[in-house]
N, C-alpha and C. Protein backbone atom coordinates (compact mmCIF):
# COMPACT_ATOMS: atom_id res chain seq x y z
N MET A 1 -5.13 -79.17 39.65
CA MET A 1 -3.78 -79.30 39.11
C MET A 1 -2.77 -78.81 40.14
N GLU A 2 -1.71 -79.55 40.31
CA GLU A 2 -0.64 -79.10 41.20
C GLU A 2 0.70 -79.58 40.68
N LYS A 3 1.72 -78.88 41.09
CA LYS A 3 3.08 -79.25 40.69
C LYS A 3 4.00 -78.95 41.87
N ASP A 4 4.70 -79.94 42.30
CA ASP A 4 5.63 -79.78 43.42
C ASP A 4 6.96 -79.25 42.89
N LEU A 5 7.37 -78.08 43.37
CA LEU A 5 8.62 -77.45 42.93
C LEU A 5 9.71 -77.55 44.00
N GLY A 6 9.49 -78.44 44.96
CA GLY A 6 10.43 -78.53 46.08
C GLY A 6 11.83 -78.95 45.68
N ASN A 7 11.96 -79.61 44.52
CA ASN A 7 13.30 -80.06 44.10
C ASN A 7 13.98 -79.08 43.16
N TYR A 8 13.38 -77.90 42.95
CA TYR A 8 14.03 -76.87 42.12
C TYR A 8 15.10 -76.19 42.96
N ARG A 9 16.33 -76.40 42.63
CA ARG A 9 17.42 -75.79 43.40
C ARG A 9 18.54 -75.35 42.48
N LYS A 10 19.20 -74.27 42.88
CA LYS A 10 20.37 -73.80 42.16
C LYS A 10 21.40 -73.37 43.18
N SER A 11 22.63 -73.72 42.94
CA SER A 11 23.70 -73.31 43.84
C SER A 11 24.33 -72.03 43.30
N TYR A 12 24.34 -70.98 44.12
CA TYR A 12 24.89 -69.69 43.72
C TYR A 12 26.36 -69.62 44.14
N GLU A 13 27.23 -69.51 43.16
CA GLU A 13 28.66 -69.63 43.47
C GLU A 13 29.54 -68.63 42.71
N LYS A 14 28.95 -67.62 42.10
CA LYS A 14 29.73 -66.77 41.19
C LYS A 14 30.51 -65.65 41.86
N ASN A 15 30.07 -65.21 43.04
CA ASN A 15 30.74 -64.05 43.63
C ASN A 15 30.46 -63.97 45.11
N GLU A 16 30.99 -62.92 45.74
CA GLU A 16 30.75 -62.66 47.15
C GLU A 16 30.60 -61.16 47.36
N LEU A 17 29.97 -60.79 48.48
CA LEU A 17 29.81 -59.37 48.81
C LEU A 17 30.11 -59.20 50.30
N LEU A 18 31.26 -58.64 50.57
CA LEU A 18 31.71 -58.46 51.95
C LEU A 18 31.54 -57.00 52.36
N LEU A 19 31.12 -56.80 53.59
CA LEU A 19 30.85 -55.45 54.09
C LEU A 19 32.08 -54.55 53.96
N LYS A 20 33.25 -55.10 54.23
CA LYS A 20 34.48 -54.30 54.20
C LYS A 20 34.83 -53.81 52.79
N ASP A 21 34.28 -54.47 51.79
CA ASP A 21 34.60 -54.12 50.41
C ASP A 21 33.58 -53.17 49.77
N THR A 22 32.57 -52.78 50.52
CA THR A 22 31.50 -51.96 49.95
C THR A 22 31.77 -50.46 50.17
N PRO A 23 31.42 -49.61 49.22
CA PRO A 23 31.62 -48.16 49.38
C PRO A 23 30.64 -47.57 50.38
N GLU A 24 30.92 -46.36 50.82
CA GLU A 24 30.05 -45.71 51.80
C GLU A 24 28.72 -45.28 51.19
N ASN A 25 28.74 -44.99 49.89
CA ASN A 25 27.52 -44.53 49.22
C ASN A 25 26.95 -45.67 48.36
N PRO A 26 25.69 -46.06 48.59
CA PRO A 26 25.12 -47.18 47.84
C PRO A 26 24.95 -46.90 46.35
N ILE A 27 24.82 -45.63 45.97
CA ILE A 27 24.72 -45.31 44.54
C ILE A 27 25.98 -45.74 43.81
N GLU A 28 27.12 -45.64 44.49
CA GLU A 28 28.38 -46.06 43.88
C GLU A 28 28.41 -47.57 43.68
N LEU A 29 27.91 -48.32 44.66
CA LEU A 29 27.86 -49.78 44.51
C LEU A 29 26.87 -50.16 43.42
N PHE A 30 25.74 -49.43 43.34
CA PHE A 30 24.79 -49.68 42.26
C PHE A 30 25.48 -49.49 40.91
N ARG A 31 26.24 -48.41 40.79
CA ARG A 31 26.93 -48.12 39.53
C ARG A 31 27.89 -49.26 39.16
N ILE A 32 28.66 -49.72 40.14
CA ILE A 32 29.62 -50.79 39.89
C ILE A 32 28.90 -52.06 39.43
N TRP A 33 27.87 -52.44 40.15
CA TRP A 33 27.14 -53.66 39.79
C TRP A 33 26.47 -53.52 38.43
N PHE A 34 25.83 -52.39 38.19
CA PHE A 34 25.13 -52.18 36.91
C PHE A 34 26.11 -52.32 35.75
N ASN A 35 27.26 -51.68 35.87
CA ASN A 35 28.25 -51.72 34.79
C ASN A 35 28.80 -53.13 34.59
N GLU A 36 29.02 -53.86 35.68
CA GLU A 36 29.52 -55.23 35.56
C GLU A 36 28.51 -56.13 34.86
N VAL A 37 27.26 -56.03 35.26
CA VAL A 37 26.22 -56.85 34.63
C VAL A 37 26.06 -56.47 33.16
N ASP A 38 26.06 -55.17 32.89
CA ASP A 38 25.88 -54.69 31.52
C ASP A 38 27.01 -55.17 30.61
N ALA A 39 28.21 -55.29 31.16
CA ALA A 39 29.36 -55.67 30.35
C ALA A 39 29.51 -57.18 30.17
N HIS A 40 29.12 -57.94 31.19
CA HIS A 40 29.45 -59.37 31.19
C HIS A 40 28.26 -60.32 31.12
N PHE A 41 27.05 -59.81 31.31
CA PHE A 41 25.88 -60.69 31.31
C PHE A 41 24.84 -60.11 30.35
N THR A 42 25.14 -60.23 29.08
CA THR A 42 24.31 -59.59 28.06
C THR A 42 22.94 -60.24 27.90
N GLU A 43 22.75 -61.43 28.50
CA GLU A 43 21.44 -62.06 28.42
C GLU A 43 20.42 -61.33 29.31
N ASP A 44 20.91 -60.57 30.27
CA ASP A 44 20.02 -59.79 31.15
C ASP A 44 19.75 -58.43 30.53
N GLU A 45 18.50 -57.97 30.64
CA GLU A 45 18.18 -56.59 30.26
C GLU A 45 18.49 -55.74 31.48
N THR A 46 19.68 -55.18 31.49
CA THR A 46 20.24 -54.61 32.72
C THR A 46 19.35 -53.55 33.34
N ASN A 47 18.70 -52.71 32.53
CA ASN A 47 17.92 -51.61 33.09
C ASN A 47 16.47 -51.97 33.35
N ALA A 48 16.10 -53.25 33.21
CA ALA A 48 14.74 -53.68 33.55
C ALA A 48 14.62 -53.79 35.07
N MET A 49 13.61 -53.16 35.63
CA MET A 49 13.43 -53.18 37.08
C MET A 49 11.96 -53.38 37.42
N THR A 50 11.71 -54.00 38.55
CA THR A 50 10.35 -54.19 39.03
C THR A 50 9.96 -53.00 39.90
N LEU A 51 8.84 -52.38 39.55
CA LEU A 51 8.31 -51.24 40.30
C LEU A 51 7.11 -51.71 41.09
N SER A 52 7.14 -51.50 42.40
CA SER A 52 6.04 -51.90 43.28
C SER A 52 5.36 -50.66 43.85
N THR A 53 4.03 -50.62 43.73
CA THR A 53 3.24 -49.53 44.28
C THR A 53 2.10 -50.11 45.11
N ILE A 54 1.47 -49.27 45.91
CA ILE A 54 0.28 -49.66 46.66
C ILE A 54 -0.93 -48.98 46.02
N GLY A 55 -1.90 -49.80 45.56
CA GLY A 55 -3.07 -49.25 44.89
C GLY A 55 -4.12 -48.72 45.85
N SER A 56 -5.15 -48.10 45.30
CA SER A 56 -6.23 -47.53 46.11
C SER A 56 -6.99 -48.62 46.87
N ASN A 57 -6.89 -49.88 46.41
CA ASN A 57 -7.54 -50.99 47.10
C ASN A 57 -6.69 -51.56 48.23
N GLY A 58 -5.51 -50.96 48.45
CA GLY A 58 -4.64 -51.40 49.52
C GLY A 58 -3.71 -52.54 49.17
N PHE A 59 -3.83 -53.06 47.94
CA PHE A 59 -2.97 -54.16 47.52
C PHE A 59 -1.73 -53.63 46.80
N PRO A 60 -0.59 -54.30 47.01
CA PRO A 60 0.60 -53.95 46.23
C PRO A 60 0.49 -54.52 44.82
N LYS A 61 1.16 -53.88 43.89
CA LYS A 61 1.23 -54.40 42.52
C LYS A 61 2.63 -54.17 41.98
N ASN A 62 3.17 -55.21 41.35
CA ASN A 62 4.49 -55.15 40.74
C ASN A 62 4.36 -55.18 39.23
N ARG A 63 5.25 -54.44 38.56
CA ARG A 63 5.34 -54.53 37.10
C ARG A 63 6.77 -54.13 36.70
N VAL A 64 7.19 -54.64 35.56
CA VAL A 64 8.55 -54.34 35.10
C VAL A 64 8.52 -53.08 34.24
N VAL A 65 9.38 -52.13 34.57
CA VAL A 65 9.56 -50.91 33.78
C VAL A 65 11.05 -50.76 33.50
N LEU A 66 11.40 -49.79 32.68
CA LEU A 66 12.80 -49.61 32.31
C LEU A 66 13.39 -48.36 32.96
N LEU A 67 14.51 -48.55 33.62
CA LEU A 67 15.27 -47.43 34.17
C LEU A 67 15.90 -46.66 33.01
N LYS A 68 15.70 -45.35 32.96
CA LYS A 68 16.23 -44.56 31.86
C LYS A 68 17.40 -43.66 32.27
N LYS A 69 17.55 -43.44 33.57
CA LYS A 69 18.68 -42.63 34.03
C LYS A 69 18.81 -42.79 35.53
N TYR A 70 20.05 -42.75 36.03
CA TYR A 70 20.23 -42.66 37.47
C TYR A 70 21.32 -41.63 37.76
N THR A 71 21.14 -40.92 38.87
CA THR A 71 22.06 -39.87 39.29
C THR A 71 22.30 -40.02 40.79
N HIS A 72 23.05 -39.11 41.37
CA HIS A 72 23.25 -39.15 42.82
C HIS A 72 21.95 -38.89 43.56
N GLU A 73 20.94 -38.31 42.86
CA GLU A 73 19.65 -38.03 43.49
C GLU A 73 18.70 -39.21 43.47
N GLY A 74 18.76 -40.02 42.39
CA GLY A 74 17.82 -41.13 42.33
C GLY A 74 17.71 -41.76 40.96
N PHE A 75 16.59 -42.45 40.76
CA PHE A 75 16.38 -43.32 39.60
C PHE A 75 15.16 -42.84 38.81
N ILE A 76 15.35 -42.65 37.50
CA ILE A 76 14.32 -42.03 36.66
C ILE A 76 13.73 -43.03 35.68
N PHE A 77 12.40 -43.05 35.62
CA PHE A 77 11.68 -43.83 34.60
C PHE A 77 10.52 -42.98 34.09
N TYR A 78 9.92 -43.41 32.98
CA TYR A 78 8.86 -42.63 32.34
C TYR A 78 7.60 -43.49 32.19
N THR A 79 6.44 -42.83 32.27
CA THR A 79 5.19 -43.56 32.15
C THR A 79 4.04 -42.58 31.91
N ASN A 80 2.85 -43.14 31.74
CA ASN A 80 1.63 -42.36 31.64
C ASN A 80 1.19 -42.00 33.07
N TYR A 81 1.08 -40.71 33.35
CA TYR A 81 0.73 -40.28 34.71
C TYR A 81 -0.69 -40.73 35.11
N ASN A 82 -1.54 -41.00 34.12
CA ASN A 82 -2.91 -41.42 34.41
C ASN A 82 -3.06 -42.94 34.51
N SER A 83 -1.96 -43.66 34.31
CA SER A 83 -2.00 -45.12 34.38
C SER A 83 -2.25 -45.57 35.82
N GLU A 84 -2.45 -46.86 35.99
CA GLU A 84 -2.68 -47.40 37.33
C GLU A 84 -1.51 -47.10 38.25
N LYS A 85 -0.28 -47.25 37.74
CA LYS A 85 0.88 -46.97 38.59
C LYS A 85 1.01 -45.48 38.87
N GLY A 86 0.67 -44.64 37.86
CA GLY A 86 0.72 -43.20 38.07
C GLY A 86 -0.26 -42.74 39.14
N GLN A 87 -1.46 -43.28 39.10
CA GLN A 87 -2.47 -42.93 40.11
C GLN A 87 -2.06 -43.43 41.48
N ALA A 88 -1.46 -44.63 41.53
CA ALA A 88 -1.01 -45.17 42.81
C ALA A 88 0.09 -44.29 43.40
N ILE A 89 1.04 -43.86 42.57
CA ILE A 89 2.13 -43.01 43.04
C ILE A 89 1.59 -41.67 43.52
N ASN A 90 0.59 -41.14 42.82
CA ASN A 90 0.00 -39.86 43.21
C ASN A 90 -0.60 -39.93 44.62
N LYS A 91 -1.19 -41.09 44.96
CA LYS A 91 -1.81 -41.24 46.28
C LYS A 91 -0.82 -41.67 47.34
N ASN A 92 0.17 -42.46 46.93
CA ASN A 92 1.17 -42.94 47.88
C ASN A 92 2.52 -43.04 47.17
N PRO A 93 3.36 -42.02 47.32
CA PRO A 93 4.64 -41.99 46.59
C PRO A 93 5.70 -42.92 47.14
N LYS A 94 5.40 -43.63 48.22
CA LYS A 94 6.37 -44.58 48.76
C LYS A 94 6.34 -45.84 47.90
N ILE A 95 7.46 -46.13 47.23
CA ILE A 95 7.49 -47.25 46.29
C ILE A 95 8.75 -48.09 46.51
N CYS A 96 8.81 -49.20 45.79
CA CYS A 96 9.97 -50.06 45.85
C CYS A 96 10.40 -50.43 44.44
N LEU A 97 11.69 -50.39 44.19
CA LEU A 97 12.28 -50.84 42.94
C LEU A 97 13.14 -52.07 43.22
N SER A 98 13.18 -53.00 42.28
CA SER A 98 14.10 -54.12 42.45
C SER A 98 14.66 -54.54 41.10
N PHE A 99 15.92 -54.88 41.12
CA PHE A 99 16.63 -55.41 39.96
C PHE A 99 17.06 -56.83 40.29
N PHE A 100 16.78 -57.78 39.38
CA PHE A 100 17.28 -59.14 39.55
C PHE A 100 18.04 -59.52 38.30
N TRP A 101 19.34 -59.74 38.48
CA TRP A 101 20.23 -60.11 37.38
C TRP A 101 20.64 -61.56 37.59
N ALA A 102 19.89 -62.46 36.95
CA ALA A 102 20.09 -63.89 37.17
C ALA A 102 21.50 -64.34 36.79
N GLY A 103 22.01 -63.79 35.68
CA GLY A 103 23.34 -64.21 35.23
C GLY A 103 24.42 -63.95 36.26
N ALA A 104 24.30 -62.83 36.96
CA ALA A 104 25.30 -62.45 37.96
C ALA A 104 24.94 -62.93 39.35
N GLU A 105 23.74 -63.54 39.48
CA GLU A 105 23.24 -64.01 40.78
C GLU A 105 23.18 -62.85 41.78
N ARG A 106 22.62 -61.73 41.30
CA ARG A 106 22.55 -60.53 42.11
C ARG A 106 21.15 -59.92 42.09
N GLN A 107 20.81 -59.28 43.19
CA GLN A 107 19.55 -58.56 43.29
C GLN A 107 19.79 -57.28 44.09
N ILE A 108 19.09 -56.21 43.67
CA ILE A 108 19.12 -54.95 44.43
C ILE A 108 17.69 -54.53 44.69
N ILE A 109 17.38 -54.22 45.94
CA ILE A 109 16.05 -53.73 46.32
C ILE A 109 16.22 -52.30 46.83
N ILE A 110 15.40 -51.39 46.31
CA ILE A 110 15.52 -49.97 46.65
C ILE A 110 14.16 -49.45 47.11
N LYS A 111 14.10 -48.89 48.31
CA LYS A 111 12.89 -48.23 48.79
C LYS A 111 13.10 -46.72 48.69
N GLY A 112 12.05 -46.01 48.30
CA GLY A 112 12.18 -44.57 48.18
C GLY A 112 10.86 -43.90 47.90
N LYS A 113 10.92 -42.61 47.64
CA LYS A 113 9.73 -41.83 47.31
C LYS A 113 9.85 -41.31 45.88
N ALA A 114 8.76 -41.43 45.14
CA ALA A 114 8.73 -41.02 43.75
C ALA A 114 8.10 -39.64 43.61
N GLU A 115 8.66 -38.83 42.74
CA GLU A 115 8.06 -37.53 42.42
C GLU A 115 8.30 -37.22 40.95
N LYS A 116 7.43 -36.41 40.38
CA LYS A 116 7.56 -36.06 38.97
C LYS A 116 8.82 -35.22 38.75
N ILE A 117 9.48 -35.46 37.65
CA ILE A 117 10.63 -34.63 37.29
C ILE A 117 10.13 -33.36 36.60
N ALA A 118 11.03 -32.42 36.39
CA ALA A 118 10.67 -31.16 35.73
C ALA A 118 10.15 -31.42 34.32
N GLU A 119 9.19 -30.62 33.88
CA GLU A 119 8.56 -30.82 32.58
C GLU A 119 9.57 -30.73 31.43
N ASN A 120 10.54 -29.84 31.55
CA ASN A 120 11.51 -29.71 30.46
C ASN A 120 12.37 -30.96 30.31
N LEU A 121 12.59 -31.69 31.43
CA LEU A 121 13.34 -32.94 31.35
C LEU A 121 12.51 -34.02 30.65
N SER A 122 11.21 -34.05 30.97
CA SER A 122 10.33 -35.00 30.29
C SER A 122 10.22 -34.66 28.81
N ASP A 123 10.18 -33.34 28.50
CA ASP A 123 10.14 -32.92 27.09
C ASP A 123 11.37 -33.41 26.35
N GLY A 124 12.53 -33.24 26.97
CA GLY A 124 13.78 -33.63 26.32
C GLY A 124 13.85 -35.11 26.04
N TYR A 125 13.42 -35.93 27.01
CA TYR A 125 13.46 -37.37 26.77
C TYR A 125 12.43 -37.77 25.71
N PHE A 126 11.23 -37.17 25.77
CA PHE A 126 10.20 -37.51 24.78
C PHE A 126 10.69 -37.22 23.37
N GLU A 127 11.37 -36.10 23.20
CA GLU A 127 11.89 -35.72 21.88
C GLU A 127 12.93 -36.71 21.37
N SER A 128 13.62 -37.39 22.28
CA SER A 128 14.67 -38.34 21.88
C SER A 128 14.10 -39.70 21.47
N ARG A 129 12.84 -39.94 21.75
CA ARG A 129 12.25 -41.26 21.46
C ARG A 129 11.94 -41.41 19.97
N PRO A 130 11.91 -42.64 19.47
CA PRO A 130 11.48 -42.86 18.08
C PRO A 130 10.04 -42.37 17.89
N ARG A 131 9.71 -41.95 16.68
CA ARG A 131 8.37 -41.43 16.42
C ARG A 131 7.28 -42.45 16.78
N GLY A 132 7.56 -43.72 16.51
CA GLY A 132 6.57 -44.74 16.84
C GLY A 132 6.27 -44.79 18.33
N SER A 133 7.31 -44.63 19.14
CA SER A 133 7.12 -44.63 20.60
C SER A 133 6.40 -43.36 21.05
N GLN A 134 6.71 -42.24 20.41
CA GLN A 134 6.01 -41.00 20.73
C GLN A 134 4.51 -41.13 20.46
N LEU A 135 4.18 -41.65 19.29
CA LEU A 135 2.77 -41.82 18.94
C LEU A 135 2.10 -42.85 19.84
N GLY A 136 2.83 -43.89 20.18
CA GLY A 136 2.28 -44.92 21.06
C GLY A 136 1.91 -44.36 22.42
N ALA A 137 2.71 -43.42 22.92
CA ALA A 137 2.42 -42.80 24.22
C ALA A 137 1.11 -42.02 24.17
N ILE A 138 0.83 -41.42 23.01
CA ILE A 138 -0.39 -40.64 22.86
C ILE A 138 -1.61 -41.55 22.65
N VAL A 139 -1.42 -42.58 21.86
CA VAL A 139 -2.51 -43.49 21.52
C VAL A 139 -3.02 -44.26 22.73
N SER A 140 -2.10 -44.72 23.57
CA SER A 140 -2.48 -45.61 24.66
C SER A 140 -2.99 -44.86 25.88
N ASN A 141 -4.25 -45.06 26.19
CA ASN A 141 -4.81 -44.57 27.45
C ASN A 141 -4.52 -45.66 28.48
N GLN A 142 -3.28 -45.70 28.94
CA GLN A 142 -2.73 -46.84 29.66
C GLN A 142 -3.59 -47.27 30.84
N SER A 143 -3.79 -48.58 30.95
CA SER A 143 -4.53 -49.25 32.02
C SER A 143 -6.05 -49.20 31.84
N SER A 144 -6.54 -48.48 30.83
CA SER A 144 -7.99 -48.44 30.60
C SER A 144 -8.42 -49.66 29.79
N VAL A 145 -9.70 -50.01 29.90
CA VAL A 145 -10.25 -51.15 29.17
C VAL A 145 -10.52 -50.74 27.72
N ILE A 146 -10.13 -51.61 26.76
CA ILE A 146 -10.42 -51.36 25.35
C ILE A 146 -11.11 -52.58 24.76
N LYS A 147 -11.83 -52.36 23.69
CA LYS A 147 -12.59 -53.45 23.06
C LYS A 147 -11.67 -54.51 22.47
N ASP A 148 -10.69 -54.09 21.69
CA ASP A 148 -9.74 -55.02 21.07
C ASP A 148 -8.53 -54.24 20.57
N ARG A 149 -7.56 -54.95 20.02
CA ARG A 149 -6.33 -54.31 19.55
C ARG A 149 -6.58 -53.41 18.35
N ASP A 150 -7.63 -53.71 17.59
CA ASP A 150 -7.94 -52.91 16.40
C ASP A 150 -8.13 -51.44 16.75
N VAL A 151 -8.64 -51.19 17.96
CA VAL A 151 -8.84 -49.80 18.40
C VAL A 151 -7.50 -49.07 18.43
N LEU A 152 -6.48 -49.73 18.98
CA LEU A 152 -5.16 -49.11 19.05
C LEU A 152 -4.57 -48.89 17.66
N GLU A 153 -4.67 -49.91 16.83
CA GLU A 153 -4.09 -49.83 15.49
C GLU A 153 -4.76 -48.72 14.67
N SER A 154 -6.08 -48.61 14.80
CA SER A 154 -6.83 -47.58 14.07
C SER A 154 -6.45 -46.19 14.54
N ASN A 155 -6.37 -46.02 15.86
CA ASN A 155 -6.00 -44.72 16.41
C ASN A 155 -4.58 -44.33 16.03
N LEU A 156 -3.69 -45.33 15.97
CA LEU A 156 -2.31 -45.05 15.58
C LEU A 156 -2.23 -44.56 14.14
N LYS A 157 -2.95 -45.21 13.25
CA LYS A 157 -2.94 -44.80 11.84
C LYS A 157 -3.48 -43.38 11.68
N GLU A 158 -4.50 -43.05 12.45
CA GLU A 158 -5.08 -41.71 12.39
C GLU A 158 -4.08 -40.66 12.85
N LEU A 159 -3.37 -40.97 13.95
CA LEU A 159 -2.37 -40.02 14.46
C LEU A 159 -1.20 -39.89 13.50
N GLU A 160 -0.81 -40.97 12.84
CA GLU A 160 0.28 -40.90 11.86
C GLU A 160 -0.05 -39.91 10.75
N LYS A 161 -1.30 -39.86 10.36
CA LYS A 161 -1.73 -38.92 9.33
C LYS A 161 -1.71 -37.49 9.86
N ILE A 162 -2.20 -37.32 11.08
CA ILE A 162 -2.28 -35.98 11.68
C ILE A 162 -0.88 -35.36 11.83
N TYR A 163 0.08 -36.18 12.25
CA TYR A 163 1.43 -35.66 12.55
C TYR A 163 2.43 -35.91 11.43
N GLU A 164 1.96 -36.31 10.27
CA GLU A 164 2.88 -36.56 9.16
C GLU A 164 3.67 -35.30 8.82
N GLY A 165 4.99 -35.40 8.88
CA GLY A 165 5.86 -34.26 8.59
C GLY A 165 5.88 -33.20 9.67
N LYS A 166 5.30 -33.51 10.84
CA LYS A 166 5.23 -32.53 11.93
C LYS A 166 5.93 -33.06 13.17
N GLU A 167 6.32 -32.14 14.03
CA GLU A 167 6.89 -32.51 15.31
C GLU A 167 5.78 -32.98 16.23
N ILE A 168 6.04 -34.03 17.00
CA ILE A 168 5.03 -34.59 17.89
C ILE A 168 5.25 -34.05 19.31
N PRO A 169 4.31 -33.30 19.85
CA PRO A 169 4.49 -32.74 21.19
C PRO A 169 4.27 -33.79 22.28
N ARG A 170 4.96 -33.64 23.37
CA ARG A 170 4.74 -34.55 24.51
C ARG A 170 3.39 -34.29 25.13
N PRO A 171 2.57 -35.34 25.30
CA PRO A 171 1.29 -35.14 25.99
C PRO A 171 1.53 -34.84 27.47
N LYS A 172 0.73 -33.99 28.05
CA LYS A 172 0.92 -33.59 29.44
C LYS A 172 0.70 -34.74 30.42
N PHE A 173 0.00 -35.78 29.97
CA PHE A 173 -0.25 -36.91 30.86
C PHE A 173 0.88 -37.94 30.86
N TRP A 174 1.97 -37.63 30.17
CA TRP A 174 3.08 -38.57 30.07
C TRP A 174 4.37 -37.87 30.49
N GLY A 175 5.18 -38.55 31.31
CA GLY A 175 6.44 -37.93 31.72
C GLY A 175 7.21 -38.81 32.69
N GLY A 176 8.18 -38.21 33.33
CA GLY A 176 9.10 -38.97 34.16
C GLY A 176 8.86 -38.83 35.65
N TYR A 177 9.30 -39.85 36.36
CA TYR A 177 9.37 -39.84 37.82
C TYR A 177 10.82 -40.07 38.23
N ILE A 178 11.21 -39.47 39.33
CA ILE A 178 12.49 -39.81 39.94
C ILE A 178 12.19 -40.44 41.29
N VAL A 179 12.82 -41.57 41.56
CA VAL A 179 12.68 -42.23 42.85
C VAL A 179 13.90 -41.89 43.68
N LYS A 180 13.67 -41.15 44.77
CA LYS A 180 14.76 -40.75 45.65
C LYS A 180 14.88 -41.77 46.77
N PRO A 181 15.99 -42.51 46.80
CA PRO A 181 16.10 -43.67 47.70
C PRO A 181 16.34 -43.30 49.16
N ILE A 182 15.79 -44.15 50.03
CA ILE A 182 16.06 -44.04 51.47
C ILE A 182 16.66 -45.34 52.01
N GLU A 183 16.50 -46.44 51.26
CA GLU A 183 17.09 -47.72 51.66
C GLU A 183 17.53 -48.51 50.44
N PHE A 184 18.62 -49.23 50.58
CA PHE A 184 19.10 -50.17 49.57
C PHE A 184 19.37 -51.51 50.24
N GLU A 185 19.14 -52.58 49.50
CA GLU A 185 19.65 -53.88 49.91
C GLU A 185 20.30 -54.56 48.71
N PHE A 186 21.57 -54.90 48.87
CA PHE A 186 22.32 -55.60 47.82
C PHE A 186 22.43 -57.06 48.22
N TRP A 187 21.99 -57.94 47.31
CA TRP A 187 21.97 -59.37 47.55
C TRP A 187 22.86 -60.08 46.56
N GLN A 188 23.80 -60.85 47.07
CA GLN A 188 24.67 -61.67 46.24
C GLN A 188 24.45 -63.13 46.60
N GLY A 189 24.02 -63.94 45.62
CA GLY A 189 23.80 -65.36 45.89
C GLY A 189 25.08 -66.06 46.30
N ARG A 190 24.97 -66.94 47.31
CA ARG A 190 26.11 -67.71 47.81
C ARG A 190 25.71 -69.17 48.00
N PRO A 191 26.68 -70.09 48.09
CA PRO A 191 26.36 -71.51 48.27
C PRO A 191 25.60 -71.77 49.58
N ASN A 192 24.84 -72.85 49.58
CA ASN A 192 24.11 -73.32 50.76
C ASN A 192 23.11 -72.31 51.29
N ARG A 193 22.65 -71.42 50.40
CA ARG A 193 21.66 -70.39 50.76
C ARG A 193 22.17 -69.41 51.82
N LEU A 194 23.48 -69.37 52.03
CA LEU A 194 24.06 -68.40 52.97
C LEU A 194 24.44 -67.15 52.17
N HIS A 195 23.43 -66.50 51.64
CA HIS A 195 23.64 -65.37 50.74
C HIS A 195 24.20 -64.16 51.48
N ASP A 196 24.90 -63.31 50.73
CA ASP A 196 25.37 -62.03 51.26
C ASP A 196 24.29 -60.98 51.06
N ARG A 197 23.95 -60.26 52.14
CA ARG A 197 22.97 -59.18 52.07
C ARG A 197 23.53 -57.96 52.79
N ILE A 198 23.75 -56.88 52.04
CA ILE A 198 24.25 -55.63 52.63
C ILE A 198 23.16 -54.58 52.52
N HIS A 199 22.81 -54.00 53.66
CA HIS A 199 21.71 -53.03 53.74
C HIS A 199 22.24 -51.63 54.02
N TYR A 200 21.72 -50.66 53.29
CA TYR A 200 22.04 -49.25 53.51
C TYR A 200 20.77 -48.51 53.91
N LYS A 201 20.87 -47.63 54.89
CA LYS A 201 19.73 -46.80 55.30
C LYS A 201 20.17 -45.35 55.40
N LEU A 202 19.35 -44.45 54.84
CA LEU A 202 19.66 -43.02 54.86
C LEU A 202 19.25 -42.41 56.20
N GLU A 203 20.20 -41.76 56.85
CA GLU A 203 19.93 -41.12 58.14
C GLU A 203 19.45 -39.68 57.95
N LYS A 204 19.03 -39.05 59.05
CA LYS A 204 18.51 -37.69 58.98
C LYS A 204 19.54 -36.68 58.52
N ASP A 205 20.81 -36.98 58.76
CA ASP A 205 21.88 -36.06 58.33
C ASP A 205 22.34 -36.38 56.90
N PHE A 206 21.56 -37.25 56.21
CA PHE A 206 21.82 -37.63 54.81
C PHE A 206 23.08 -38.48 54.64
N SER A 207 23.56 -39.06 55.72
CA SER A 207 24.63 -40.05 55.61
C SER A 207 24.00 -41.43 55.52
N TRP A 208 24.77 -42.39 54.99
CA TRP A 208 24.27 -43.75 54.84
C TRP A 208 24.90 -44.65 55.90
N VAL A 209 24.06 -45.46 56.54
CA VAL A 209 24.55 -46.45 57.49
C VAL A 209 24.38 -47.83 56.86
N LYS A 210 25.44 -48.62 56.83
CA LYS A 210 25.36 -49.93 56.18
C LYS A 210 25.59 -51.03 57.22
N THR A 211 24.87 -52.13 57.02
CA THR A 211 24.94 -53.28 57.91
C THR A 211 24.81 -54.56 57.08
N ARG A 212 25.27 -55.65 57.65
CA ARG A 212 25.08 -56.95 57.02
C ARG A 212 23.84 -57.60 57.62
N LEU A 213 23.01 -58.18 56.74
CA LEU A 213 21.81 -58.88 57.19
C LEU A 213 22.01 -60.38 57.07
N SER A 214 21.39 -61.11 57.98
CA SER A 214 21.41 -62.56 57.89
C SER A 214 20.60 -63.01 56.67
N PRO A 215 21.04 -64.02 55.98
CA PRO A 215 20.29 -64.48 54.81
C PRO A 215 18.99 -65.16 55.18
């Protein structure tokens, strides 16, 4: 079976990104873009991002996770530390994040290093989650092989009984990572595939150097 996709084309014409109009700090440009997409392109799940890690087999793997907070230090998401991505980060904390907002014809690629956040911060976020999500984090031995879905459903019902009327503690194997960026690339789709690409790189003195890249 084959399918030729050579005639799939889209002309990107919604905006432009000029070097002279970009701020010195890429976090500020991220904030501007995120807010614009969140306000005007509701069909996009604005905080959905692709997380890329390198596994123990040497292969990269991408998966979509949800950004839960960003600060001047970096980007925070939560997961099971024993999952495939958690184990990959433990062995190689150099990761890549990417956001693609089709409605705005924009993409952001972020390279950085991931590290666990403080336990009290993970506790605070876990407490804010719905009870179903709290129990789900405990039930799921993420990335492990299971016989069928019935195993999950049965374990969930058992935990619901155990914690009925009780506070659910955060399991130690679940918590947050912060990705501290060292590079950003902002991509704005343009006509004739002459896209705008602005690259930021963190220098040793913690200043950012920005350049325009050829599309």
